Amino acid sequence: MPKSYKKYTIDIKVGDKIQVGRFRNVTTMVKNITIDEHGQPIIHTNKGKKKLFTCRIHKLTPGTKTPKQILLEVKNRKKT
């Protein structure tokens, strides 16, 4: 029986903001989009080259919060 796959369409343009880094908390801007030798999309940002699917797309993240805001919410939840 064949596996069921979902289809995702991602609209990324030059000038969009994405979040990169170990914890995906550094916001960068897309400067260029190219294809590498294996046919995979590469995003050129002001922080360097990144593979497309190793970042968080800022505009697709609902209610994006800073790390400080997240820590304050967790701290407030523990108090109550």
PDB file of N, CA and C in Angstrom:
ATOM      1  N   MET A   1       0.843  -1.167   0.000  1.00  0.00           N
ATOM      2  CA  MET A   1       0.000   0.000   0.000  1.00  0.00           C
ATOM      3  C   MET A   1       0.902   1.249   0.000  1.00  0.00           C
ATOM      4  N   PRO A   2       0.652   2.212  -0.901  1.00  0.00           N
ATOM      5  CA  PRO A   2       1.502   3.402  -0.949  1.00  0.00           C
ATOM      6  C   PRO A   2       1.290   4.303   0.264  1.00  0.00           C
ATOM      7  N   LYS A   3       2.358   5.000   0.637  1.00  0.00           N
ATOM      8  CA  LYS A   3       2.281   5.928   1.758  1.00  0.00           C
ATOM      9  C   LYS A   3       1.552   7.193   1.330  1.00  0.00           C
ATOM     10  N   SER A   4       0.906   7.814   2.270  1.00  0.00           N
ATOM     11  CA  SER A   4       0.196   9.060   2.003  1.00  0.00           C
ATOM     12  C   SER A   4       1.122  10.236   2.321  1.00  0.00           C
ATOM     13  N   TYR A   5       1.310  11.110   1.373  1.00  0.00           N
ATOM     14  CA  TYR A   5       2.150  12.277   1.553  1.00  0.00           C
ATOM     15  C   TYR A   5       1.307  13.531   1.465  1.00  0.00           C
ATOM     16  N   LYS A   6       1.666  14.516   2.259  1.00  0.00           N
ATOM     17  CA  LYS A   6       1.011  15.813   2.175  1.00  0.00           C
ATOM     18  C   LYS A   6       1.823  16.695   1.253  1.00  0.00           C
ATOM     19  N   LYS A   7       1.161  17.628   0.629  1.00  0.00           N
ATOM     20  CA  LYS A   7       1.843  18.541  -0.267  1.00  0.00           C
ATOM     21  C   LYS A   7       1.944  19.897   0.402  1.00  0.00           C
ATOM     22  N   TYR A   8       3.140  20.456   0.411  1.00  0.00           N
ATOM     23  CA  TYR A   8       3.385  21.764   0.986  1.00  0.00           C
ATOM     24  C   TYR A   8       3.949  22.678  -0.084  1.00  0.00           C
ATOM     25  N   THR A   9       3.404  23.848  -0.181  1.00  0.00           N
ATOM     26  CA  THR A   9       3.929  24.854  -1.087  1.00  0.00           C
ATOM     27  C   THR A   9       4.438  26.012  -0.240  1.00  0.00           C
ATOM     28  N   ILE A  10       5.698  26.360  -0.406  1.00  0.00           N
ATOM     29  CA  ILE A  10       6.306  27.421   0.374  1.00  0.00           C
ATOM     30  C   ILE A  10       6.650  28.567  -0.559  1.00  0.00           C
ATOM     31  N   ASP A  11       6.147  29.741  -0.228  1.00  0.00           N
ATOM     32  CA  ASP A  11       6.392  30.931  -1.029  1.00  0.00           C
ATOM     33  C   ASP A  11       7.457  31.766  -0.340  1.00  0.00           C
ATOM     34  N   ILE A  12       8.697  31.677  -0.844  1.00  0.00           N
ATOM     35  CA  ILE A  12       9.807  32.439  -0.287  1.00  0.00           C
ATOM     36  C   ILE A  12      10.336  33.353  -1.369  1.00  0.00           C
ATOM     37  N   LYS A  13      10.475  34.622  -1.024  1.00  0.00           N
ATOM     38  CA  LYS A  13      10.967  35.603  -1.983  1.00  0.00           C
ATOM     39  C   LYS A  13      12.159  36.344  -1.389  1.00  0.00           C
ATOM     40  N   VAL A  14      12.915  36.976  -2.240  1.00  0.00           N
ATOM     41  CA  VAL A  14      14.002  37.827  -1.781  1.00  0.00           C
ATOM     42  C   VAL A  14      13.387  38.956  -0.962  1.00  0.00           C
ATOM     43  N   GLY A  15      13.944  39.192   0.221  1.00  0.00           N
ATOM     44  CA  GLY A  15      13.430  40.215   1.115  1.00  0.00           C
ATOM     45  C   GLY A  15      12.631  39.653   2.277  1.00  0.00           C
ATOM     46  N   ASP A  16      12.230  38.364   2.207  1.00  0.00           N
ATOM     47  CA  ASP A  16      11.515  37.745   3.321  1.00  0.00           C
ATOM     48  C   ASP A  16      12.452  37.555   4.503  1.00  0.00           C
ATOM     49  N   LYS A  17      11.880  37.526   5.700  1.00  0.00           N
ATOM     50  CA  LYS A  17      12.658  37.283   6.907  1.00  0.00           C
ATOM     51  C   LYS A  17      12.514  35.824   7.299  1.00  0.00           C
ATOM     52  N   ILE A  18      13.635  35.207   7.686  1.00  0.00           N
ATOM     53  CA  ILE A  18      13.632  33.837   8.181  1.00  0.00           C
ATOM     54  C   ILE A  18      14.414  33.811   9.481  1.00  0.00           C
ATOM     55  N   GLN A  19      14.235  32.744  10.248  1.00  0.00           N
ATOM     56  CA  GLN A  19      14.952  32.595  11.504  1.00  0.00           C
ATOM     57  C   GLN A  19      15.901  31.418  11.391  1.00  0.00           C
ATOM     58  N   VAL A  20      17.166  31.658  11.701  1.00  0.00           N
ATOM     59  CA  VAL A  20      18.202  30.646  11.585  1.00  0.00           C
ATOM     60  C   VAL A  20      18.931  30.529  12.914  1.00  0.00           C
ATOM     61  N   GLY A  21      19.902  29.668  12.974  1.00  0.00           N
ATOM     62  CA  GLY A  21      20.681  29.467  14.187  1.00  0.00           C
ATOM     63  C   GLY A  21      20.307  28.153  14.837  1.00  0.00           C
ATOM     64  N   ARG A  22      21.026  27.804  15.873  1.00  0.00           N
ATOM     65  CA  ARG A  22      20.812  26.529  16.546  1.00  0.00           C
ATOM     66  C   ARG A  22      19.381  26.405  17.083  1.00  0.00           C
ATOM     67  N   PHE A  23      18.858  27.476  17.649  1.00  0.00           N
ATOM     68  CA  PHE A  23      17.515  27.452  18.216  1.00  0.00           C
ATOM     69  C   PHE A  23      16.516  28.211  17.358  1.00  0.00           C
ATOM     70  N   ARG A  24      16.892  28.542  16.132  1.00  0.00           N
ATOM     71  CA  ARG A  24      16.048  29.272  15.182  1.00  0.00           C
ATOM     72  C   ARG A  24      15.531  30.573  15.801  1.00  0.00           C
ATOM     73  N   ASN A  25      16.451  31.352  16.380  1.00  0.00           N
ATOM     74  CA  ASN A  25      16.054  32.582  17.037  1.00  0.00           C
ATOM     75  C   ASN A  25      16.791  33.817  16.520  1.00  0.00           C
ATOM     76  N   VAL A  26      17.531  33.676  15.425  1.00  0.00           N
ATOM     77  CA  VAL A  26      18.226  34.807  14.819  1.00  0.00           C
ATOM     78  C   VAL A  26      17.504  35.149  13.525  1.00  0.00           C
ATOM     79  N   THR A  27      16.943  36.344  13.450  1.00  0.00           N
ATOM     80  CA  THR A  27      16.193  36.752  12.270  1.00  0.00           C
ATOM     81  C   THR A  27      17.146  37.298  11.216  1.00  0.00           C
ATOM     82  N   THR A  28      17.045  36.772   9.992  1.00  0.00           N
ATOM     83  CA  THR A  28      17.873  37.240   8.876  1.00  0.00           C
ATOM     84  C   THR A  28      16.977  37.497   7.671  1.00  0.00           C
ATOM     85  N   MET A  29      17.523  38.188   6.681  1.00  0.00           N
ATOM     86  CA  MET A  29      16.765  38.512   5.483  1.00  0.00           C
ATOM     87  C   MET A  29      17.322  37.747   4.283  1.00  0.00           C
ATOM     88  N   VAL A  30      16.435  37.250   3.437  1.00  0.00           N
ATOM     89  CA  VAL A  30      16.818  36.505   2.249  1.00  0.00           C
ATOM     90  C   VAL A  30      17.336  37.487   1.199  1.00  0.00           C
ATOM     91  N   LYS A  31      18.570  37.248   0.714  1.00  0.00           N
ATOM     92  CA  LYS A  31      19.154  38.104  -0.319  1.00  0.00           C
ATOM     93  C   LYS A  31      19.092  37.473  -1.702  1.00  0.00           C
ATOM     94  N   ASN A  32      19.171  36.125  -1.764  1.00  0.00           N
ATOM     95  CA  ASN A  32      19.191  35.423  -3.049  1.00  0.00           C
ATOM     96  C   ASN A  32      18.805  33.969  -2.811  1.00  0.00           C
ATOM     97  N   ILE A  33      18.277  33.310  -3.825  1.00  0.00           N
ATOM     98  CA  ILE A  33      17.929  31.896  -3.751  1.00  0.00           C
ATOM     99  C   ILE A  33      18.537  31.199  -4.962  1.00  0.00           C
ATOM    100  N   THR A  34      19.329  30.145  -4.709  1.00  0.00           N
ATOM    101  CA  THR A  34      19.978  29.402  -5.790  1.00  0.00           C
ATOM    102  C   THR A  34      19.752  27.903  -5.582  1.00  0.00           C
ATOM    103  N   ILE A  35      20.269  27.113  -6.501  1.00  0.00           N
ATOM    104  CA  ILE A  35      20.189  25.653  -6.448  1.00  0.00           C
ATOM    105  C   ILE A  35      21.622  25.114  -6.369  1.00  0.00           C
ATOM    106  N   ASP A  36      21.860  24.155  -5.447  1.00  0.00           N
ATOM    107  CA  ASP A  36      23.205  23.581  -5.340  1.00  0.00           C
ATOM    108  C   ASP A  36      23.401  22.459  -6.352  1.00  0.00           C
ATOM    109  N   GLU A  37      24.543  21.770  -6.283  1.00  0.00           N
ATOM    110  CA  GLU A  37      24.876  20.738  -7.263  1.00  0.00           C
ATOM    111  C   GLU A  37      23.976  19.511  -7.161  1.00  0.00           C
ATOM    112  N   HIS A  38      23.260  19.359  -6.038  1.00  0.00           N
ATOM    113  CA  HIS A  38      22.354  18.227  -5.867  1.00  0.00           C
ATOM    114  C   HIS A  38      20.902  18.594  -6.188  1.00  0.00           C
ATOM    115  N   GLY A  39      20.674  19.816  -6.633  1.00  0.00           N
ATOM    116  CA  GLY A  39      19.337  20.256  -6.985  1.00  0.00           C
ATOM    117  C   GLY A  39      18.509  20.740  -5.806  1.00  0.00           C
ATOM    118  N   GLN A  40      19.157  20.968  -4.660  1.00  0.00           N
ATOM    119  CA  GLN A  40      18.449  21.434  -3.474  1.00  0.00           C
ATOM    120  C   GLN A  40      18.528  22.959  -3.377  1.00  0.00           C
ATOM    121  N   PRO A  41      17.448  23.608  -2.925  1.00  0.00           N
ATOM    122  CA  PRO A  41      17.455  25.072  -2.840  1.00  0.00           C
ATOM    123  C   PRO A  41      18.342  25.578  -1.701  1.00  0.00           C
ATOM    124  N   ILE A  42      19.107  26.621  -2.008  1.00  0.00           N
ATOM    125  CA  ILE A  42      19.996  27.268  -1.040  1.00  0.00           C
ATOM    126  C   ILE A  42      19.564  28.724  -0.913  1.00  0.00           C
ATOM    127  N   ILE A  43      19.425  29.198   0.331  1.00  0.00           N
ATOM    128  CA  ILE A  43      19.052  30.585   0.585  1.00  0.00           C
ATOM    129  C   ILE A  43      20.299  31.344   1.012  1.00  0.00           C
ATOM    130  N   HIS A  44      20.564  32.455   0.345  1.00  0.00           N
ATOM    131  CA  HIS A  44      21.675  33.323   0.713  1.00  0.00           C
ATOM    132  C   HIS A  44      21.109  34.433   1.589  1.00  0.00           C
ATOM    133  N   THR A  45      21.611  34.546   2.817  1.00  0.00           N
ATOM    134  CA  THR A  45      21.142  35.563   3.751  1.00  0.00           C
ATOM    135  C   THR A  45      22.299  36.468   4.130  1.00  0.00           C
ATOM    136  N   ASN A  46      22.012  37.451   4.964  1.00  0.00           N
ATOM    137  CA  ASN A  46      23.095  38.305   5.441  1.00  0.00           C
ATOM    138  C   ASN A  46      23.937  37.591   6.494  1.00  0.00           C
ATOM    139  N   LYS A  47      23.569  36.372   6.893  1.00  0.00           N
ATOM    140  CA  LYS A  47      24.361  35.549   7.807  1.00  0.00           C
ATOM    141  C   LYS A  47      25.078  34.416   7.091  1.00  0.00           C
ATOM    142  N   GLY A  48      24.960  34.336   5.768  1.00  0.00           N
ATOM    143  CA  GLY A  48      25.623  33.290   5.002  1.00  0.00           C
ATOM    144  C   GLY A  48      24.627  32.423   4.258  1.00  0.00           C
ATOM    145  N   LYS A  49      25.124  31.313   3.702  1.00  0.00           N
ATOM    146  CA  LYS A  49      24.275  30.391   2.940  1.00  0.00           C
ATOM    147  C   LYS A  49      23.615  29.401   3.887  1.00  0.00           C
ATOM    148  N   LYS A  50      22.338  29.100   3.640  1.00  0.00           N
ATOM    149  CA  LYS A  50      21.594  28.140   4.436  1.00  0.00           C
ATOM    150  C   LYS A  50      20.785  27.239   3.515  1.00  0.00           C
ATOM    151  N   LYS A  51      20.656  25.975   3.881  1.00  0.00           N
ATOM    152  CA  LYS A  51      19.755  25.096   3.145  1.00  0.00           C
ATOM    153  C   LYS A  51      18.331  25.542   3.435  1.00  0.00           C
ATOM    154  N   LEU A  52      17.447  25.411   2.456  1.00  0.00           N
ATOM    155  CA  LEU A  52      16.088  25.927   2.596  1.00  0.00           C
ATOM    156  C   LEU A  52      15.349  25.320   3.779  1.00  0.00           C
ATOM    157  N   PHE A  53      15.456  24.032   3.991  1.00  0.00           N
ATOM    158  CA  PHE A  53      14.637  23.386   5.004  1.00  0.00           C
ATOM    159  C   PHE A  53      15.340  23.229   6.347  1.00  0.00           C
ATOM    160  N   THR A  54      16.312  24.086   6.640  1.00  0.00           N
ATOM    161  CA  THR A  54      16.937  24.096   7.954  1.00  0.00           C
ATOM    162  C   THR A  54      16.725  25.440   8.633  1.00  0.00           C
ATOM    163  N   CYS A  55      15.663  26.116   8.283  1.00  0.00           N
ATOM    164  CA  CYS A  55      15.365  27.408   8.895  1.00  0.00           C
ATOM    165  C   CYS A  55      13.887  27.465   9.247  1.00  0.00           C
ATOM    166  N   ARG A  56      13.514  28.467   9.992  1.00  0.00           N
ATOM    167  CA  ARG A  56      12.111  28.712  10.310  1.00  0.00           C
ATOM    168  C   ARG A  56      11.680  29.941   9.531  1.00  0.00           C
ATOM    169  N   ILE A  57      10.580  29.836   8.812  1.00  0.00           N
ATOM    170  CA  ILE A  57      10.099  30.942   7.993  1.00  0.00           C
ATOM    171  C   ILE A  57       9.281  31.868   8.876  1.00  0.00           C
ATOM    172  N   HIS A  58       9.758  33.095   9.022  1.00  0.00           N
ATOM    173  CA  HIS A  58       9.189  34.047   9.962  1.00  0.00           C
ATOM    174  C   HIS A  58       7.717  34.319   9.683  1.00  0.00           C
ATOM    175  N   LYS A  59       7.338  34.484   8.429  1.00  0.00           N
ATOM    176  CA  LYS A  59       5.953  34.835   8.109  1.00  0.00           C
ATOM    177  C   LYS A  59       4.987  33.673   8.287  1.00  0.00           C
ATOM    178  N   LEU A  60       5.478  32.449   8.383  1.00  0.00           N
ATOM    179  CA  LEU A  60       4.613  31.293   8.599  1.00  0.00           C
ATOM    180  C   LEU A  60       4.463  30.930  10.070  1.00  0.00           C
ATOM    181  N   THR A  61       5.226  31.574  10.938  1.00  0.00           N
ATOM    182  CA  THR A  61       5.174  31.292  12.362  1.00  0.00           C
ATOM    183  C   THR A  61       4.102  32.164  13.006  1.00  0.00           C
ATOM    184  N   PRO A  62       3.044  31.566  13.512  1.00  0.00           N
ATOM    185  CA  PRO A  62       1.987  32.390  14.115  1.00  0.00           C
ATOM    186  C   PRO A  62       2.428  32.957  15.456  1.00  0.00           C
ATOM    187  N   GLY A  63       2.228  34.256  15.643  1.00  0.00           N
ATOM    188  CA  GLY A  63       2.539  34.895  16.919  1.00  0.00           C
ATOM    189  C   GLY A  63       3.987  34.759  17.319  1.00  0.00           C
ATOM    190  N   THR A  64       4.911  35.109  16.447  1.00  0.00           N
ATOM    191  CA  THR A  64       6.324  34.974  16.721  1.00  0.00           C
ATOM    192  C   THR A  64       6.702  35.808  17.939  1.00  0.00           C
ATOM    193  N   LYS A  65       7.378  35.185  18.886  1.00  0.00           N
ATOM    194  CA  LYS A  65       7.786  35.854  20.118  1.00  0.00           C
ATOM    195  C   LYS A  65       9.294  35.771  20.262  1.00  0.00           C
ATOM    196  N   THR A  66       9.845  36.701  21.006  1.00  0.00           N
ATOM    197  CA  THR A  66      11.266  36.679  21.292  1.00  0.00           C
ATOM    198  C   THR A  66      11.539  35.640  22.372  1.00  0.00           C
ATOM    199  N   PRO A  67      12.782  35.171  22.487  1.00  0.00           N
ATOM    200  CA  PRO A  67      13.091  34.199  23.532  1.00  0.00           C
ATOM    201  C   PRO A  67      12.785  34.728  24.938  1.00  0.00           C
ATOM    202  N   LYS A  68      12.990  36.031  25.174  1.00  0.00           N
ATOM    203  CA  LYS A  68      12.694  36.602  26.487  1.00  0.00           C
ATOM    204  C   LYS A  68      11.203  36.520  26.802  1.00  0.00           C
ATOM    205  N   GLN A  69      10.360  36.774  25.795  1.00  0.00           N
ATOM    206  CA  GLN A  69       8.921  36.693  26.003  1.00  0.00           C
ATOM    207  C   GLN A  69       8.495  35.269  26.341  1.00  0.00           C
ATOM    208  N   ILE A  70       9.096  34.299  25.684  1.00  0.00           N
ATOM    209  CA  ILE A  70       8.770  32.896  25.939  1.00  0.00           C
ATOM    210  C   ILE A  70       9.160  32.509  27.358  1.00  0.00           C
ATOM    211  N   LEU A  71      10.355  32.929  27.813  1.00  0.00           N
ATOM    212  CA  LEU A  71      10.810  32.603  29.164  1.00  0.00           C
ATOM    213  C   LEU A  71       9.916  33.248  30.217  1.00  0.00           C
ATOM    214  N   LEU A  72       9.477  34.493  29.978  1.00  0.00           N
ATOM    215  CA  LEU A  72       8.576  35.151  30.923  1.00  0.00           C
ATOM    216  C   LEU A  72       7.242  34.426  31.021  1.00  0.00           C
ATOM    217  N   GLU A  73       6.723  33.937  29.906  1.00  0.00           N
ATOM    218  CA  GLU A  73       5.464  33.194  29.937  1.00  0.00           C
ATOM    219  C   GLU A  73       5.610  31.893  30.707  1.00  0.00           C
ATOM    220  N   VAL A  74       6.718  31.197  30.514  1.00  0.00           N
ATOM    221  CA  VAL A  74       6.949  29.942  31.234  1.00  0.00           C
ATOM    222  C   VAL A  74       7.063  30.213  32.723  1.00  0.00           C
ATOM    223  N   LYS A  75       7.774  31.270  33.097  1.00  0.00           N
ATOM    224  CA  LYS A  75       7.943  31.623  34.493  1.00  0.00           C
ATOM    225  C   LYS A  75       6.593  31.967  35.129  1.00  0.00           C
ATOM    226  N   ASN A  76       5.746  32.706  34.400  1.00  0.00           N
ATOM    227  CA  ASN A  76       4.424  33.072  34.915  1.00  0.00           C
ATOM    228  C   ASN A  76       3.515  31.859  35.062  1.00  0.00           C
ATOM    229  N   ARG A  77       3.644  30.884  34.175  1.00  0.00           N
ATOM    230  CA  ARG A  77       2.833  29.667  34.264  1.00  0.00           C
ATOM    231  C   ARG A  77       3.190  28.856  35.512  1.00  0.00           C
ATOM    232  N   LYS A  78       4.492  28.836  35.851  1.00  0.00           N
ATOM    233  CA  LYS A  78       4.937  28.064  37.014  1.00  0.00           C
ATOM    234  C   LYS A  78       4.430  28.688  38.311  1.00  0.00           C
ATOM    235  N   LYS A  79       4.282  30.025  38.347  1.00  0.00           N
ATOM    236  CA  LYS A  79       3.817  30.706  39.548  1.00  0.00           C
ATOM    237  C   LYS A  79       2.354  30.413  39.839  1.00  0.00           C
ATOM    238  N   THR A  80       1.560  30.210  38.790  1.00  0.00           N
ATOM    239  CA  THR A  80       0.125  30.005  39.014  1.00  0.00           C
ATOM    240  C   THR A  80      -0.241  28.576  39.234  1.00  0.00           C
TER     241      THR A  80
END
